[in-house]
């Protein structure tokens, strides 16, 4: 199974994820990203500057698989199927 890394980008700052997570596919990574963002926003409060942040999801080679703006994670998910 591939490993995905979830780095947080706030402006010019990037907080790396050195460990990553082994997941079956990009759709599973999308679900994890959405859950991580929602948890962070719940902890930081509704007026958080994190609403302007994004999560960069990369593969083991460091290639960006997708980026998810924190504000986007507040919306309901798309219908089943590929989300990236």
C-alpha atoms as a PDB file:
ATOM      1  CA  UNK A   1       0.000   0.000   0.000  1.00  0.00           C
ATOM      2  CA  UNK A   2       1.212   3.526  -0.736  1.00  0.00           C
ATOM      3  CA  UNK A   3       2.227   6.005   1.954  1.00  0.00           C
ATOM      4  CA  UNK A   4       0.754   9.514   1.974  1.00  0.00           C
ATOM      5  CA  UNK A   5       2.103  12.565   3.806  1.00  0.00           C
ATOM      6  CA  UNK A   6      -0.112  15.402   5.050  1.00  0.00           C
ATOM      7  CA  UNK A   7       1.764  18.721   5.308  1.00  0.00           C
ATOM      8  CA  UNK A   8      -0.007  21.865   6.476  1.00  0.00           C
ATOM      9  CA  UNK A   9       0.693  25.089   4.599  1.00  0.00           C
ATOM     10  CA  UNK A  10      -0.212  28.416   6.239  1.00  0.00           C
ATOM     11  CA  UNK A  11       0.979  31.277   4.060  1.00  0.00           C
ATOM     12  CA  UNK A  12       4.690  30.728   3.424  1.00  0.00           C
ATOM     13  CA  UNK A  13       5.048  28.321   6.352  1.00  0.00           C
ATOM     14  CA  UNK A  14       4.931  24.574   5.776  1.00  0.00           C
ATOM     15  CA  UNK A  15       4.566  22.070   8.619  1.00  0.00           C
ATOM     16  CA  UNK A  16       5.808  18.717   7.369  1.00  0.00           C
ATOM     17  CA  UNK A  17       4.398  15.306   8.195  1.00  0.00           C
ATOM     18  CA  UNK A  18       7.517  13.141   8.623  1.00  0.00           C
ATOM     19  CA  UNK A  19       5.639   9.891   9.264  1.00  0.00           C
ATOM     20  CA  UNK A  20       2.730   9.841   6.835  1.00  0.00           C
ATOM     21  CA  UNK A  21       0.104   7.116   6.700  1.00  0.00           C
ATOM     22  CA  UNK A  22      -0.169   3.940   4.686  1.00  0.00           C
ATOM     23  CA  UNK A  23      -3.495   4.010   2.848  1.00  0.00           C
ATOM     24  CA  UNK A  24      -5.013   1.999  -0.001  1.00  0.00           C
ATOM     25  CA  UNK A  25      -5.494   4.833  -2.507  1.00  0.00           C
ATOM     26  CA  UNK A  26      -5.848   8.612  -3.062  1.00  0.00           C
ATOM     27  CA  UNK A  27      -9.546   8.499  -2.179  1.00  0.00           C
ATOM     28  CA  UNK A  28      -8.681   7.161   1.275  1.00  0.00           C
ATOM     29  CA  UNK A  29      -6.060   9.922   1.597  1.00  0.00           C
ATOM     30  CA  UNK A  30      -8.751  12.459   0.661  1.00  0.00           C
ATOM     31  CA  UNK A  31     -10.983  11.179   3.484  1.00  0.00           C
ATOM     32  CA  UNK A  32      -8.101  11.317   5.982  1.00  0.00           C
ATOM     33  CA  UNK A  33      -7.192  14.858   4.855  1.00  0.00           C
ATOM     34  CA  UNK A  34     -10.759  16.042   5.306  1.00  0.00           C
ATOM     35  CA  UNK A  35     -10.996  14.476   8.764  1.00  0.00           C
ATOM     36  CA  UNK A  36      -7.622  15.944   9.843  1.00  0.00           C
ATOM     37  CA  UNK A  37      -8.639  19.425   8.740  1.00  0.00           C
ATOM     38  CA  UNK A  38     -12.019  19.230  10.465  1.00  0.00           C
ATOM     39  CA  UNK A  39     -10.359  18.083  13.700  1.00  0.00           C
ATOM     40  CA  UNK A  40      -7.829  20.947  13.552  1.00  0.00           C
ATOM     41  CA  UNK A  41     -10.546  23.517  12.893  1.00  0.00           C
ATOM     42  CA  UNK A  42     -12.700  22.146  15.703  1.00  0.00           C
ATOM     43  CA  UNK A  43      -9.753  22.551  18.113  1.00  0.00           C
ATOM     44  CA  UNK A  44      -8.792  26.048  16.912  1.00  0.00           C
ATOM     45  CA  UNK A  45     -12.277  27.571  16.793  1.00  0.00           C
ATOM     46  CA  UNK A  46     -14.457  29.062  14.056  1.00  0.00           C
ATOM     47  CA  UNK A  47     -12.475  32.305  13.689  1.00  0.00           C
ATOM     48  CA  UNK A  48      -9.199  30.472  13.196  1.00  0.00           C
ATOM     49  CA  UNK A  49      -6.636  31.777  10.717  1.00  0.00           C
ATOM     50  CA  UNK A  50      -6.360  28.143   9.678  1.00  0.00           C
ATOM     51  CA  UNK A  51      -9.337  28.714   7.381  1.00  0.00           C
ATOM     52  CA  UNK A  52      -6.778  30.220   4.974  1.00  0.00           C
ATOM     53  CA  UNK A  53      -4.468  27.177   5.281  1.00  0.00           C
ATOM     54  CA  UNK A  54      -4.283  24.128   3.051  1.00  0.00           C
ATOM     55  CA  UNK A  55      -3.193  20.530   3.377  1.00  0.00           C
ATOM     56  CA  UNK A  56      -0.679  19.250   0.820  1.00  0.00           C
ATOM     57  CA  UNK A  57      -0.930  15.509   0.374  1.00  0.00           C
ATOM     58  CA  UNK A  58       2.160  13.965  -1.184  1.00  0.00           C
ATOM     59  CA  UNK A  59       3.263  10.458  -2.053  1.00  0.00           C
ATOM     60  CA  UNK A  60       6.473   8.695  -0.965  1.00  0.00           C
ATOM     61  CA  UNK A  61       8.393  10.383  -3.808  1.00  0.00           C
ATOM     62  CA  UNK A  62       7.299  13.842  -2.629  1.00  0.00           C
ATOM     63  CA  UNK A  63       4.925  14.414  -5.556  1.00  0.00           C
ATOM     64  CA  UNK A  64       1.776  16.336  -4.675  1.00  0.00           C
ATOM     65  CA  UNK A  65      -1.235  14.045  -5.019  1.00  0.00           C
ATOM     66  CA  UNK A  66      -3.708  16.831  -4.177  1.00  0.00           C
ATOM     67  CA  UNK A  67      -4.116  19.972  -2.095  1.00  0.00           C
ATOM     68  CA  UNK A  68      -7.139  20.611   0.073  1.00  0.00           C
ATOM     69  CA  UNK A  69      -7.903  24.112   1.353  1.00  0.00           C
ATOM     70  CA  UNK A  70      -9.082  24.005   4.954  1.00  0.00           C
ATOM     71  CA  UNK A  71     -12.210  25.985   4.064  1.00  0.00           C
ATOM     72  CA  UNK A  72     -13.138  23.325   1.470  1.00  0.00           C
ATOM     73  CA  UNK A  73     -13.158  20.596   4.127  1.00  0.00           C
ATOM     74  CA  UNK A  74     -16.143  22.260   5.798  1.00  0.00           C
ATOM     75  CA  UNK A  75     -18.399  21.435   2.846  1.00  0.00           C
ATOM     76  CA  UNK A  76     -20.242  18.168   2.546  1.00  0.00           C
ATOM     77  CA  UNK A  77     -18.396  15.503   0.539  1.00  0.00           C
ATOM     78  CA  UNK A  78     -18.966  14.952  -3.165  1.00  0.00           C
ATOM     79  CA  UNK A  79     -21.022  11.978  -4.264  1.00  0.00           C
ATOM     80  CA  UNK A  80     -19.191   8.630  -4.147  1.00  0.00           C
ATOM     81  CA  UNK A  81     -16.427   8.245  -6.711  1.00  0.00           C
ATOM     82  CA  UNK A  82     -13.070   9.821  -7.367  1.00  0.00           C
ATOM     83  CA  UNK A  83     -12.677  13.095  -5.455  1.00  0.00           C
ATOM     84  CA  UNK A  84      -9.360  14.405  -6.742  1.00  0.00           C
END
